[in-house]
């Protein structure tokens, strides 16, 4: 439920109404701006009488939100959400933000080479896996916390932010300490205990769409994070599982348009996991900018043939640089700009 106050409503009017709702066991989520005072009412609002609420002093409008995702809905917040990181990078504003780096952090030398090169080409955020969820239990599982510390060290040297995937709550404390964006991977999109846990932090969260999840299910997962207090959520379309086997997954590029219509949250695209083929990444990235995405997360490796994971979908640094130049050229006629 959304309650909008009149322009001449006093602070006392707002406090009186919110205290009434809290006494009845409802939560309050403020969505006010400089122009309007508006807040959401969280809980089983079917028991609330709209007419009763309308007679409170200062109330302009009371409306129920029909969608199951209340806080992620555009009905709750009309203006787009922007997520600003500690290094000043903002996702969801007028700049098309690119996150790039290796699938897995393999060594300090490997990470420094790749991080330096993607930074020179215009990436603002360093991506890299330190805990790797692999289909095979015998595949490389990542360097763990040592890899996380390496990412922080090298990113700080280069002035980059970092994003990496959190697999479970047991490492949440370290992630809050070292990470700028916590990634929740496709396999964990409906790990509700994990979503609740990151929702209680103040660290931005990158939420990837599940392999076979609908857009509504994806937004409902975002709702878990928002409902627990963290409003810094970035959505990531990374391809869904279909009958097609030529590509690793099928990029649902229309999901960007759907999210922009349904939600205020920023949304980026992962063309690497969508295609699974490095030769498709540049074209898919250009399409992502053209369709209105807020950015990309791309895998880059200087020796993909020797990579410990996902070498086939990793761009070499020269290919990444070429892609960034083309994105910059395309951005001159788009709303979002690529600033290298």
C-alpha atoms as a PDB file:
ATOM      1  CA  UNK A   1       0.000   0.000   0.000  1.00  0.00           C
ATOM      2  CA  UNK A   2       1.218   3.499  -0.880  1.00  0.00           C
ATOM      3  CA  UNK A   3       0.238   6.627   1.054  1.00  0.00           C
ATOM      4  CA  UNK A   4       0.907  10.039  -0.436  1.00  0.00           C
ATOM      5  CA  UNK A   5       0.663  13.129   1.730  1.00  0.00           C
ATOM      6  CA  UNK A   6      -0.591  16.556   0.717  1.00  0.00           C
ATOM      7  CA  UNK A   7       1.961  19.249  -0.035  1.00  0.00           C
ATOM      8  CA  UNK A   8       0.868  21.210   3.043  1.00  0.00           C
ATOM      9  CA  UNK A   9       0.962  18.163   5.350  1.00  0.00           C
ATOM     10  CA  UNK A  10       2.985  18.795   8.508  1.00  0.00           C
ATOM     11  CA  UNK A  11       5.663  16.590  10.005  1.00  0.00           C
ATOM     12  CA  UNK A  12       3.256  15.895  12.854  1.00  0.00           C
ATOM     13  CA  UNK A  13       0.646  14.631  10.357  1.00  0.00           C
ATOM     14  CA  UNK A  14       3.139  12.140   8.939  1.00  0.00           C
ATOM     15  CA  UNK A  15       4.385  10.981  12.344  1.00  0.00           C
ATOM     16  CA  UNK A  16       0.842  10.502  13.680  1.00  0.00           C
ATOM     17  CA  UNK A  17      -0.191   8.307  10.747  1.00  0.00           C
ATOM     18  CA  UNK A  18       3.018   6.261  10.753  1.00  0.00           C
ATOM     19  CA  UNK A  19       2.812   5.641  14.501  1.00  0.00           C
ATOM     20  CA  UNK A  20      -0.772   4.441  14.053  1.00  0.00           C
ATOM     21  CA  UNK A  21       0.387   1.953  11.403  1.00  0.00           C
ATOM     22  CA  UNK A  22       3.386   0.762  13.424  1.00  0.00           C
ATOM     23  CA  UNK A  23       1.152   0.109  16.444  1.00  0.00           C
ATOM     24  CA  UNK A  24      -0.887  -2.212  14.237  1.00  0.00           C
ATOM     25  CA  UNK A  25       2.246  -4.145  13.285  1.00  0.00           C
ATOM     26  CA  UNK A  26       2.968  -2.684   9.844  1.00  0.00           C
ATOM     27  CA  UNK A  27       6.355  -1.633   8.525  1.00  0.00           C
ATOM     28  CA  UNK A  28       7.042   1.729   6.920  1.00  0.00           C
ATOM     29  CA  UNK A  29       9.279   2.292   3.880  1.00  0.00           C
ATOM     30  CA  UNK A  30       9.879   5.925   2.986  1.00  0.00           C
ATOM     31  CA  UNK A  31       9.974   6.838  -0.714  1.00  0.00           C
ATOM     32  CA  UNK A  32       9.749  10.613  -0.395  1.00  0.00           C
ATOM     33  CA  UNK A  33      11.502  13.084  -2.662  1.00  0.00           C
ATOM     34  CA  UNK A  34      11.976  16.849  -2.564  1.00  0.00           C
ATOM     35  CA  UNK A  35       8.643  17.240  -4.354  1.00  0.00           C
ATOM     36  CA  UNK A  36       6.397  14.767  -2.540  1.00  0.00           C
ATOM     37  CA  UNK A  37       6.051  12.905   0.764  1.00  0.00           C
ATOM     38  CA  UNK A  38       5.147   9.279   0.100  1.00  0.00           C
ATOM     39  CA  UNK A  39       5.730   6.016   1.935  1.00  0.00           C
ATOM     40  CA  UNK A  40       4.899   2.356   1.599  1.00  0.00           C
ATOM     41  CA  UNK A  41       3.079   0.258   4.170  1.00  0.00           C
ATOM     42  CA  UNK A  42       4.535  -3.239   4.543  1.00  0.00           C
ATOM     43  CA  UNK A  43       2.647  -6.265   5.804  1.00  0.00           C
ATOM     44  CA  UNK A  44      -0.747  -7.876   5.257  1.00  0.00           C
ATOM     45  CA  UNK A  45      -2.459  -4.655   4.172  1.00  0.00           C
ATOM     46  CA  UNK A  46      -5.673  -6.470   3.269  1.00  0.00           C
ATOM     47  CA  UNK A  47      -6.755  -5.766   6.852  1.00  0.00           C
ATOM     48  CA  UNK A  48      -6.337  -2.001   6.397  1.00  0.00           C
ATOM     49  CA  UNK A  49      -9.325   0.189   5.560  1.00  0.00           C
ATOM     50  CA  UNK A  50      -8.345   2.688   2.855  1.00  0.00           C
ATOM     51  CA  UNK A  51     -11.216   5.010   3.760  1.00  0.00           C
ATOM     52  CA  UNK A  52     -10.110   5.077   7.401  1.00  0.00           C
ATOM     53  CA  UNK A  53      -6.568   6.037   6.404  1.00  0.00           C
ATOM     54  CA  UNK A  54      -7.825   8.726   4.029  1.00  0.00           C
ATOM     55  CA  UNK A  55      -9.374  10.727   6.872  1.00  0.00           C
ATOM     56  CA  UNK A  56      -6.058  11.192   8.690  1.00  0.00           C
ATOM     57  CA  UNK A  57      -4.873  14.818   8.495  1.00  0.00           C
ATOM     58  CA  UNK A  58      -2.609  15.550   5.557  1.00  0.00           C
ATOM     59  CA  UNK A  59      -3.367  12.404   3.527  1.00  0.00           C
ATOM     60  CA  UNK A  60      -3.748  13.049  -0.209  1.00  0.00           C
ATOM     61  CA  UNK A  61      -4.070   9.506  -1.582  1.00  0.00           C
ATOM     62  CA  UNK A  62      -4.093   5.882  -0.441  1.00  0.00           C
ATOM     63  CA  UNK A  63      -3.515   3.178  -3.049  1.00  0.00           C
ATOM     64  CA  UNK A  64      -2.959  -0.564  -2.986  1.00  0.00           C
ATOM     65  CA  UNK A  65      -0.161  -2.055  -5.090  1.00  0.00           C
ATOM     66  CA  UNK A  66      -1.495  -5.015  -7.037  1.00  0.00           C
ATOM     67  CA  UNK A  67       1.877  -6.571  -7.895  1.00  0.00           C
ATOM     68  CA  UNK A  68       3.363  -9.076  -5.411  1.00  0.00           C
ATOM     69  CA  UNK A  69       6.676  -7.154  -5.393  1.00  0.00           C
ATOM     70  CA  UNK A  70       5.745  -3.957  -3.573  1.00  0.00           C
ATOM     71  CA  UNK A  71       9.052  -2.208  -2.947  1.00  0.00           C
ATOM     72  CA  UNK A  72      10.585  -3.176  -6.309  1.00  0.00           C
ATOM     73  CA  UNK A  73       7.531  -1.900  -8.166  1.00  0.00           C
ATOM     74  CA  UNK A  74       7.421   1.338 -10.088  1.00  0.00           C
ATOM     75  CA  UNK A  75       4.117   2.010  -8.353  1.00  0.00           C
ATOM     76  CA  UNK A  76       6.110   2.406  -5.138  1.00  0.00           C
ATOM     77  CA  UNK A  77       8.849   4.584  -6.623  1.00  0.00           C
ATOM     78  CA  UNK A  78       8.519   6.380  -9.948  1.00  0.00           C
ATOM     79  CA  UNK A  79      12.046   7.789 -10.170  1.00  0.00           C
ATOM     80  CA  UNK A  80      14.800   5.339 -11.149  1.00  0.00           C
ATOM     81  CA  UNK A  81      16.983   4.070  -8.323  1.00  0.00           C
ATOM     82  CA  UNK A  82      20.678   4.881  -8.594  1.00  0.00           C
ATOM     83  CA  UNK A  83      23.398   3.034  -6.692  1.00  0.00           C
ATOM     84  CA  UNK A  84      26.516   5.042  -5.847  1.00  0.00           C
ATOM     85  CA  UNK A  85      29.668   3.196  -4.777  1.00  0.00           C
ATOM     86  CA  UNK A  86      32.398   4.387  -2.432  1.00  0.00           C
ATOM     87  CA  UNK A  87      34.653   5.376  -5.335  1.00  0.00           C
ATOM     88  CA  UNK A  88      31.931   7.641  -6.763  1.00  0.00           C
ATOM     89  CA  UNK A  89      30.759   5.351  -9.585  1.00  0.00           C
ATOM     90  CA  UNK A  90      26.969   5.520  -9.979  1.00  0.00           C
ATOM     91  CA  UNK A  91      24.920   2.743 -11.567  1.00  0.00           C
ATOM     92  CA  UNK A  92      21.502   3.651 -12.961  1.00  0.00           C
ATOM     93  CA  UNK A  93      22.262   7.277 -13.835  1.00  0.00           C
ATOM     94  CA  UNK A  94      23.310   8.630 -17.236  1.00  0.00           C
ATOM     95  CA  UNK A  95      26.563   6.647 -17.537  1.00  0.00           C
ATOM     96  CA  UNK A  96      26.754   3.121 -18.967  1.00  0.00           C
ATOM     97  CA  UNK A  97      28.921   1.311 -16.401  1.00  0.00           C
ATOM     98  CA  UNK A  98      31.125  -1.632 -17.375  1.00  0.00           C
ATOM     99  CA  UNK A  99      32.331  -4.237 -14.879  1.00  0.00           C
ATOM    100  CA  UNK A 100      35.113  -6.446 -16.203  1.00  0.00           C
ATOM    101  CA  UNK A 101      37.672  -9.000 -15.095  1.00  0.00           C
ATOM    102  CA  UNK A 102      38.413 -12.722 -14.988  1.00  0.00           C
ATOM    103  CA  UNK A 103      35.857 -15.409 -14.268  1.00  0.00           C
ATOM    104  CA  UNK A 104      38.131 -16.646 -11.471  1.00  0.00           C
ATOM    105  CA  UNK A 105      40.865 -14.935  -9.504  1.00  0.00           C
ATOM    106  CA  UNK A 106      43.788 -17.299 -10.101  1.00  0.00           C
ATOM    107  CA  UNK A 107      46.834 -15.408  -8.820  1.00  0.00           C
ATOM    108  CA  UNK A 108      48.027 -11.912  -7.939  1.00  0.00           C
ATOM    109  CA  UNK A 109      49.968 -11.635 -11.213  1.00  0.00           C
ATOM    110  CA  UNK A 110      46.985 -12.725 -13.318  1.00  0.00           C
ATOM    111  CA  UNK A 111      44.589 -10.376 -11.581  1.00  0.00           C
ATOM    112  CA  UNK A 112      46.908  -7.353 -11.720  1.00  0.00           C
ATOM    113  CA  UNK A 113      47.533  -7.802 -15.466  1.00  0.00           C
ATOM    114  CA  UNK A 114      43.822  -8.055 -16.271  1.00  0.00           C
ATOM    115  CA  UNK A 115      42.712  -5.330 -13.857  1.00  0.00           C
ATOM    116  CA  UNK A 116      45.267  -2.875 -15.228  1.00  0.00           C
ATOM    117  CA  UNK A 117      44.196  -3.520 -18.809  1.00  0.00           C
ATOM    118  CA  UNK A 118      40.430  -3.303 -18.242  1.00  0.00           C
ATOM    119  CA  UNK A 119      40.914  -0.090 -16.246  1.00  0.00           C
ATOM    120  CA  UNK A 120      42.875   1.434 -19.148  1.00  0.00           C
ATOM    121  CA  UNK A 121      40.030   0.514 -21.516  1.00  0.00           C
ATOM    122  CA  UNK A 122      37.364   2.191 -19.382  1.00  0.00           C
ATOM    123  CA  UNK A 123      35.999  -0.389 -16.937  1.00  0.00           C
ATOM    124  CA  UNK A 124      35.013   1.179 -13.615  1.00  0.00           C
ATOM    125  CA  UNK A 125      34.465  -2.005 -11.588  1.00  0.00           C
ATOM    126  CA  UNK A 126      36.656  -5.104 -11.300  1.00  0.00           C
ATOM    127  CA  UNK A 127      34.790  -8.408 -11.387  1.00  0.00           C
ATOM    128  CA  UNK A 128      36.269 -11.741 -10.387  1.00  0.00           C
ATOM    129  CA  UNK A 129      35.208 -14.980  -8.742  1.00  0.00           C
ATOM    130  CA  UNK A 130      36.806 -16.008  -5.451  1.00  0.00           C
ATOM    131  CA  UNK A 131      34.252 -18.692  -4.518  1.00  0.00           C
ATOM    132  CA  UNK A 132      33.295 -20.525  -7.690  1.00  0.00           C
ATOM    133  CA  UNK A 133      30.042 -22.504  -7.911  1.00  0.00           C
ATOM    134  CA  UNK A 134      30.928 -25.190 -10.446  1.00  0.00           C
ATOM    135  CA  UNK A 135      28.839 -27.943 -11.970  1.00  0.00           C
ATOM    136  CA  UNK A 136      31.631 -30.421 -11.275  1.00  0.00           C
ATOM    137  CA  UNK A 137      32.954 -30.804  -7.707  1.00  0.00           C
ATOM    138  CA  UNK A 138      36.382 -31.526  -9.219  1.00  0.00           C
ATOM    139  CA  UNK A 139      36.662 -28.195 -11.060  1.00  0.00           C
ATOM    140  CA  UNK A 140      38.574 -25.189  -9.689  1.00  0.00           C
ATOM    141  CA  UNK A 141      36.570 -23.774  -6.767  1.00  0.00           C
ATOM    142  CA  UNK A 142      38.363 -20.450  -6.342  1.00  0.00           C
ATOM    143  CA  UNK A 143      40.933 -18.966  -3.929  1.00  0.00           C
ATOM    144  CA  UNK A 144      38.383 -18.046  -1.271  1.00  0.00           C
ATOM    145  CA  UNK A 145      39.074 -15.239   1.183  1.00  0.00           C
ATOM    146  CA  UNK A 146      42.687 -14.866  -0.001  1.00  0.00           C
ATOM    147  CA  UNK A 147      41.340 -14.148  -3.471  1.00  0.00           C
ATOM    148  CA  UNK A 148      38.974 -11.581  -1.993  1.00  0.00           C
ATOM    149  CA  UNK A 149      41.852  -9.784  -0.272  1.00  0.00           C
ATOM    150  CA  UNK A 150      43.801  -9.824  -3.539  1.00  0.00           C
ATOM    151  CA  UNK A 151      40.888  -8.189  -5.346  1.00  0.00           C
ATOM    152  CA  UNK A 152      40.651  -5.465  -2.710  1.00  0.00           C
ATOM    153  CA  UNK A 153      44.399  -4.808  -2.783  1.00  0.00           C
ATOM    154  CA  UNK A 154      44.666  -4.497  -6.561  1.00  0.00           C
ATOM    155  CA  UNK A 155      41.414  -2.578  -6.960  1.00  0.00           C
ATOM    156  CA  UNK A 156      42.587  -0.023  -4.402  1.00  0.00           C
ATOM    157  CA  UNK A 157      45.892   0.371  -6.255  1.00  0.00           C
ATOM    158  CA  UNK A 158      43.985   1.150  -9.475  1.00  0.00           C
ATOM    159  CA  UNK A 159      41.029   3.095  -8.073  1.00  0.00           C
ATOM    160  CA  UNK A 160      38.485   0.452  -9.039  1.00  0.00           C
ATOM    161  CA  UNK A 161      35.457  -0.870  -7.169  1.00  0.00           C
ATOM    162  CA  UNK A 162      35.001  -4.652  -6.913  1.00  0.00           C
ATOM    163  CA  UNK A 163      32.107  -7.072  -7.365  1.00  0.00           C
ATOM    164  CA  UNK A 164      32.277 -10.762  -6.520  1.00  0.00           C
ATOM    165  CA  UNK A 165      29.858 -13.566  -5.730  1.00  0.00           C
ATOM    166  CA  UNK A 166      28.824 -14.521  -2.202  1.00  0.00           C
ATOM    167  CA  UNK A 167      27.876 -18.190  -1.947  1.00  0.00           C
ATOM    168  CA  UNK A 168      26.613 -18.360   1.631  1.00  0.00           C
ATOM    169  CA  UNK A 169      26.131 -16.405   4.832  1.00  0.00           C
ATOM    170  CA  UNK A 170      29.252 -17.866   6.469  1.00  0.00           C
ATOM    171  CA  UNK A 171      31.464 -15.334   4.625  1.00  0.00           C
ATOM    172  CA  UNK A 172      29.114 -12.350   4.813  1.00  0.00           C
ATOM    173  CA  UNK A 173      31.223 -10.502   7.389  1.00  0.00           C
ATOM    174  CA  UNK A 174      34.318 -10.586   5.169  1.00  0.00           C
ATOM    175  CA  UNK A 175      32.321  -9.509   2.124  1.00  0.00           C
ATOM    176  CA  UNK A 176      30.888  -6.510   3.979  1.00  0.00           C
ATOM    177  CA  UNK A 177      34.459  -5.559   4.906  1.00  0.00           C
ATOM    178  CA  UNK A 178      36.107  -5.970   1.499  1.00  0.00           C
ATOM    179  CA  UNK A 179      33.489  -5.764  -1.277  1.00  0.00           C
ATOM    180  CA  UNK A 180      31.811  -2.808  -2.990  1.00  0.00           C
ATOM    181  CA  UNK A 181      29.044  -4.907  -4.596  1.00  0.00           C
ATOM    182  CA  UNK A 182      27.943  -8.326  -3.358  1.00  0.00           C
ATOM    183  CA  UNK A 183      26.896 -10.558  -6.247  1.00  0.00           C
ATOM    184  CA  UNK A 184      24.142 -13.111  -5.737  1.00  0.00           C
ATOM    185  CA  UNK A 185      24.513 -15.658  -8.528  1.00  0.00           C
ATOM    186  CA  UNK A 186      21.843 -17.277 -10.659  1.00  0.00           C
ATOM    187  CA  UNK A 187      21.889 -20.491  -8.613  1.00  0.00           C
ATOM    188  CA  UNK A 188      21.258 -18.540  -5.413  1.00  0.00           C
ATOM    189  CA  UNK A 189      18.575 -16.195  -6.712  1.00  0.00           C
ATOM    190  CA  UNK A 190      15.977 -17.967  -4.574  1.00  0.00           C
ATOM    191  CA  UNK A 191      18.218 -18.684  -1.600  1.00  0.00           C
ATOM    192  CA  UNK A 192      15.915 -16.644   0.615  1.00  0.00           C
ATOM    193  CA  UNK A 193      18.012 -16.868   3.776  1.00  0.00           C
ATOM    194  CA  UNK A 194      20.968 -15.449   1.843  1.00  0.00           C
ATOM    195  CA  UNK A 195      18.783 -12.700   0.343  1.00  0.00           C
ATOM    196  CA  UNK A 196      17.531 -11.738   3.806  1.00  0.00           C
ATOM    197  CA  UNK A 197      21.100 -11.630   5.116  1.00  0.00           C
ATOM    198  CA  UNK A 198      22.443  -9.308   2.397  1.00  0.00           C
ATOM    199  CA  UNK A 199      19.264  -7.256   2.802  1.00  0.00           C
ATOM    200  CA  UNK A 200      20.389  -6.434   6.337  1.00  0.00           C
ATOM    201  CA  UNK A 201      23.710  -5.001   5.145  1.00  0.00           C
ATOM    202  CA  UNK A 202      24.417  -1.592   3.669  1.00  0.00           C
ATOM    203  CA  UNK A 203      26.426  -3.028   0.755  1.00  0.00           C
ATOM    204  CA  UNK A 204      24.981  -2.810  -2.789  1.00  0.00           C
ATOM    205  CA  UNK A 205      23.765  -6.144  -4.169  1.00  0.00           C
ATOM    206  CA  UNK A 206      23.964  -7.393  -7.765  1.00  0.00           C
ATOM    207  CA  UNK A 207      21.147  -9.924  -8.158  1.00  0.00           C
ATOM    208  CA  UNK A 208      21.461 -12.254 -11.146  1.00  0.00           C
ATOM    209  CA  UNK A 209      18.373 -13.782 -12.711  1.00  0.00           C
ATOM    210  CA  UNK A 210      17.963 -17.520 -12.131  1.00  0.00           C
ATOM    211  CA  UNK A 211      18.539 -19.928 -14.987  1.00  0.00           C
ATOM    212  CA  UNK A 212      14.837 -20.711 -15.380  1.00  0.00           C
ATOM    213  CA  UNK A 213      13.240 -17.858 -13.442  1.00  0.00           C
ATOM    214  CA  UNK A 214      10.457 -15.603 -14.648  1.00  0.00           C
ATOM    215  CA  UNK A 215      10.808 -11.841 -14.413  1.00  0.00           C
ATOM    216  CA  UNK A 216       8.247 -11.807 -11.587  1.00  0.00           C
ATOM    217  CA  UNK A 217      10.223 -14.408  -9.619  1.00  0.00           C
ATOM    218  CA  UNK A 218      13.375 -12.344 -10.165  1.00  0.00           C
ATOM    219  CA  UNK A 219      11.679  -9.198  -8.843  1.00  0.00           C
ATOM    220  CA  UNK A 220      10.268 -11.131  -5.900  1.00  0.00           C
ATOM    221  CA  UNK A 221      13.825 -12.120  -4.981  1.00  0.00           C
ATOM    222  CA  UNK A 222      14.818  -8.455  -5.139  1.00  0.00           C
ATOM    223  CA  UNK A 223      11.858  -7.772  -2.846  1.00  0.00           C
ATOM    224  CA  UNK A 224      13.446  -9.958  -0.140  1.00  0.00           C
ATOM    225  CA  UNK A 225      16.536  -7.729  -0.156  1.00  0.00           C
ATOM    226  CA  UNK A 226      14.521  -4.502  -0.216  1.00  0.00           C
ATOM    227  CA  UNK A 227      12.116  -5.671   2.500  1.00  0.00           C
ATOM    228  CA  UNK A 228      15.046  -6.304   4.832  1.00  0.00           C
ATOM    229  CA  UNK A 229      16.260  -2.731   4.521  1.00  0.00           C
ATOM    230  CA  UNK A 230      18.806  -2.670   1.692  1.00  0.00           C
ATOM    231  CA  UNK A 231      17.533  -0.507  -1.189  1.00  0.00           C
ATOM    232  CA  UNK A 232      20.804  -0.694  -3.180  1.00  0.00           C
ATOM    233  CA  UNK A 233      19.828  -3.483  -5.554  1.00  0.00           C
ATOM    234  CA  UNK A 234      21.096  -3.911  -9.123  1.00  0.00           C
ATOM    235  CA  UNK A 235      19.471  -6.542 -11.334  1.00  0.00           C
ATOM    236  CA  UNK A 236      21.475  -8.601 -13.827  1.00  0.00           C
ATOM    237  CA  UNK A 237      20.069 -10.471 -16.836  1.00  0.00           C
ATOM    238  CA  UNK A 238      22.573 -13.256 -17.607  1.00  0.00           C
ATOM    239  CA  UNK A 239      20.650 -15.464 -20.008  1.00  0.00           C
ATOM    240  CA  UNK A 240      18.048 -18.104 -19.259  1.00  0.00           C
ATOM    241  CA  UNK A 241      17.909 -21.814 -19.986  1.00  0.00           C
ATOM    242  CA  UNK A 242      15.912 -22.713 -23.111  1.00  0.00           C
ATOM    243  CA  UNK A 243      15.899 -25.608 -25.577  1.00  0.00           C
ATOM    244  CA  UNK A 244      18.733 -23.944 -27.552  1.00  0.00           C
ATOM    245  CA  UNK A 245      22.177 -25.552 -27.205  1.00  0.00           C
ATOM    246  CA  UNK A 246      24.293 -23.486 -29.602  1.00  0.00           C
ATOM    247  CA  UNK A 247      24.826 -20.845 -26.935  1.00  0.00           C
ATOM    248  CA  UNK A 248      25.403 -21.478 -23.245  1.00  0.00           C
ATOM    249  CA  UNK A 249      22.119 -19.741 -22.384  1.00  0.00           C
ATOM    250  CA  UNK A 250      19.607 -17.539 -24.232  1.00  0.00           C
ATOM    251  CA  UNK A 251      19.975 -13.813 -23.587  1.00  0.00           C
ATOM    252  CA  UNK A 252      16.534 -12.381 -22.823  1.00  0.00           C
ATOM    253  CA  UNK A 253      17.340  -8.850 -23.908  1.00  0.00           C
ATOM    254  CA  UNK A 254      13.654  -7.921 -23.705  1.00  0.00           C
ATOM    255  CA  UNK A 255      13.938  -8.417 -19.933  1.00  0.00           C
ATOM    256  CA  UNK A 256      15.661  -5.029 -19.762  1.00  0.00           C
ATOM    257  CA  UNK A 257      12.605  -3.358 -21.285  1.00  0.00           C
ATOM    258  CA  UNK A 258      10.302  -5.310 -18.984  1.00  0.00           C
ATOM    259  CA  UNK A 259      12.262  -4.291 -15.875  1.00  0.00           C
ATOM    260  CA  UNK A 260      12.278  -0.643 -16.951  1.00  0.00           C
ATOM    261  CA  UNK A 261       8.482  -0.806 -17.280  1.00  0.00           C
ATOM    262  CA  UNK A 262       7.822  -2.713 -14.046  1.00  0.00           C
ATOM    263  CA  UNK A 263      10.530  -1.537 -11.657  1.00  0.00           C
ATOM    264  CA  UNK A 264      12.666   1.421 -10.622  1.00  0.00           C
ATOM    265  CA  UNK A 265      15.760  -0.756 -10.084  1.00  0.00           C
ATOM    266  CA  UNK A 266      18.803  -0.496 -12.391  1.00  0.00           C
ATOM    267  CA  UNK A 267      19.482  -3.483 -14.641  1.00  0.00           C
ATOM    268  CA  UNK A 268      22.676  -4.635 -16.350  1.00  0.00           C
ATOM    269  CA  UNK A 269      23.493  -7.501 -18.735  1.00  0.00           C
ATOM    270  CA  UNK A 270      26.041 -10.307 -18.547  1.00  0.00           C
ATOM    271  CA  UNK A 271      26.738 -11.236 -22.193  1.00  0.00           C
ATOM    272  CA  UNK A 272      29.536 -13.638 -21.224  1.00  0.00           C
ATOM    273  CA  UNK A 273      27.329 -16.118 -19.371  1.00  0.00           C
ATOM    274  CA  UNK A 274      24.451 -15.520 -21.761  1.00  0.00           C
ATOM    275  CA  UNK A 275      26.348 -16.593 -24.872  1.00  0.00           C
ATOM    276  CA  UNK A 276      29.235 -18.635 -23.518  1.00  0.00           C
ATOM    277  CA  UNK A 277      31.119 -17.658 -26.678  1.00  0.00           C
ATOM    278  CA  UNK A 278      33.614 -14.785 -26.742  1.00  0.00           C
ATOM    279  CA  UNK A 279      32.917 -13.896 -30.384  1.00  0.00           C
ATOM    280  CA  UNK A 280      29.319 -12.910 -29.533  1.00  0.00           C
ATOM    281  CA  UNK A 281      30.078 -10.664 -26.580  1.00  0.00           C
ATOM    282  CA  UNK A 282      30.772  -7.413 -28.432  1.00  0.00           C
ATOM    283  CA  UNK A 283      27.550  -7.506 -30.467  1.00  0.00           C
ATOM    284  CA  UNK A 284      25.468  -8.459 -27.427  1.00  0.00           C
ATOM    285  CA  UNK A 285      27.095  -5.649 -25.471  1.00  0.00           C
ATOM    286  CA  UNK A 286      26.224  -3.100 -28.146  1.00  0.00           C
ATOM    287  CA  UNK A 287      22.655  -4.395 -28.135  1.00  0.00           C
ATOM    288  CA  UNK A 288      22.560  -4.027 -24.345  1.00  0.00           C
ATOM    289  CA  UNK A 289      23.448  -0.352 -24.595  1.00  0.00           C
ATOM    290  CA  UNK A 290      20.935   0.142 -27.417  1.00  0.00           C
ATOM    291  CA  UNK A 291      18.061  -1.479 -25.495  1.00  0.00           C
ATOM    292  CA  UNK A 292      18.567   0.747 -22.450  1.00  0.00           C
ATOM    293  CA  UNK A 293      20.549  -1.356 -19.962  1.00  0.00           C
ATOM    294  CA  UNK A 294      22.483   0.502 -17.270  1.00  0.00           C
ATOM    295  CA  UNK A 295      25.700  -1.408 -17.828  1.00  0.00           C
ATOM    296  CA  UNK A 296      27.529  -4.700 -18.391  1.00  0.00           C
ATOM    297  CA  UNK A 297      29.482  -7.317 -16.502  1.00  0.00           C
ATOM    298  CA  UNK A 298      32.004  -8.954 -18.852  1.00  0.00           C
ATOM    299  CA  UNK A 299      34.659 -11.632 -18.464  1.00  0.00           C
ATOM    300  CA  UNK A 300      38.187 -10.748 -19.628  1.00  0.00           C
ATOM    301  CA  UNK A 301      41.328 -12.892 -19.497  1.00  0.00           C
ATOM    302  CA  UNK A 302      44.764 -12.238 -20.993  1.00  0.00           C
ATOM    303  CA  UNK A 303      45.301 -15.982 -21.580  1.00  0.00           C
ATOM    304  CA  UNK A 304      41.837 -17.499 -21.959  1.00  0.00           C
ATOM    305  CA  UNK A 305      43.246 -20.733 -23.336  1.00  0.00           C
ATOM    306  CA  UNK A 306      44.917 -21.261 -19.933  1.00  0.00           C
ATOM    307  CA  UNK A 307      42.073 -19.942 -17.779  1.00  0.00           C
ATOM    308  CA  UNK A 308      40.967 -22.182 -14.912  1.00  0.00           C
ATOM    309  CA  UNK A 309      37.324 -21.472 -15.729  1.00  0.00           C
ATOM    310  CA  UNK A 310      35.192 -20.107 -18.592  1.00  0.00           C
ATOM    311  CA  UNK A 311      38.030 -19.307 -20.981  1.00  0.00           C
ATOM    312  CA  UNK A 312      35.752 -19.835 -24.000  1.00  0.00           C
ATOM    313  CA  UNK A 313      33.562 -16.893 -22.996  1.00  0.00           C
ATOM    314  CA  UNK A 314      36.364 -14.516 -21.997  1.00  0.00           C
ATOM    315  CA  UNK A 315      37.529 -11.619 -24.136  1.00  0.00           C
ATOM    316  CA  UNK A 316      41.212 -10.940 -24.546  1.00  0.00           C
ATOM    317  CA  UNK A 317      42.182  -7.411 -23.436  1.00  0.00           C
ATOM    318  CA  UNK A 318      42.580  -6.142 -27.029  1.00  0.00           C
ATOM    319  CA  UNK A 319      39.115  -7.412 -27.935  1.00  0.00           C
ATOM    320  CA  UNK A 320      37.719  -5.813 -24.784  1.00  0.00           C
ATOM    321  CA  UNK A 321      39.360  -2.502 -25.676  1.00  0.00           C
ATOM    322  CA  UNK A 322      37.873  -2.670 -29.181  1.00  0.00           C
ATOM    323  CA  UNK A 323      34.447  -3.347 -27.699  1.00  0.00           C
ATOM    324  CA  UNK A 324      34.755  -0.383 -25.338  1.00  0.00           C
ATOM    325  CA  UNK A 325      35.640   1.911 -28.238  1.00  0.00           C
ATOM    326  CA  UNK A 326      32.570   0.765 -30.169  1.00  0.00           C
ATOM    327  CA  UNK A 327      30.375   1.203 -27.098  1.00  0.00           C
ATOM    328  CA  UNK A 328      31.728   4.725 -26.695  1.00  0.00           C
ATOM    329  CA  UNK A 329      30.912   5.505 -30.342  1.00  0.00           C
ATOM    330  CA  UNK A 330      27.388   4.100 -30.047  1.00  0.00           C
ATOM    331  CA  UNK A 331      26.753   5.955 -26.797  1.00  0.00           C
ATOM    332  CA  UNK A 332      27.024   9.301 -28.598  1.00  0.00           C
ATOM    333  CA  UNK A 333      23.512   8.716 -29.981  1.00  0.00           C
ATOM    334  CA  UNK A 334      22.108   7.011 -26.866  1.00  0.00           C
ATOM    335  CA  UNK A 335      20.771   8.341 -23.572  1.00  0.00           C
ATOM    336  CA  UNK A 336      23.502   6.637 -21.577  1.00  0.00           C
ATOM    337  CA  UNK A 337      27.100   7.500 -22.268  1.00  0.00           C
ATOM    338  CA  UNK A 338      30.269   5.427 -22.075  1.00  0.00           C
ATOM    339  CA  UNK A 339      32.999   7.506 -20.427  1.00  0.00           C
ATOM    340  CA  UNK A 340      36.410   5.927 -20.803  1.00  0.00           C
END
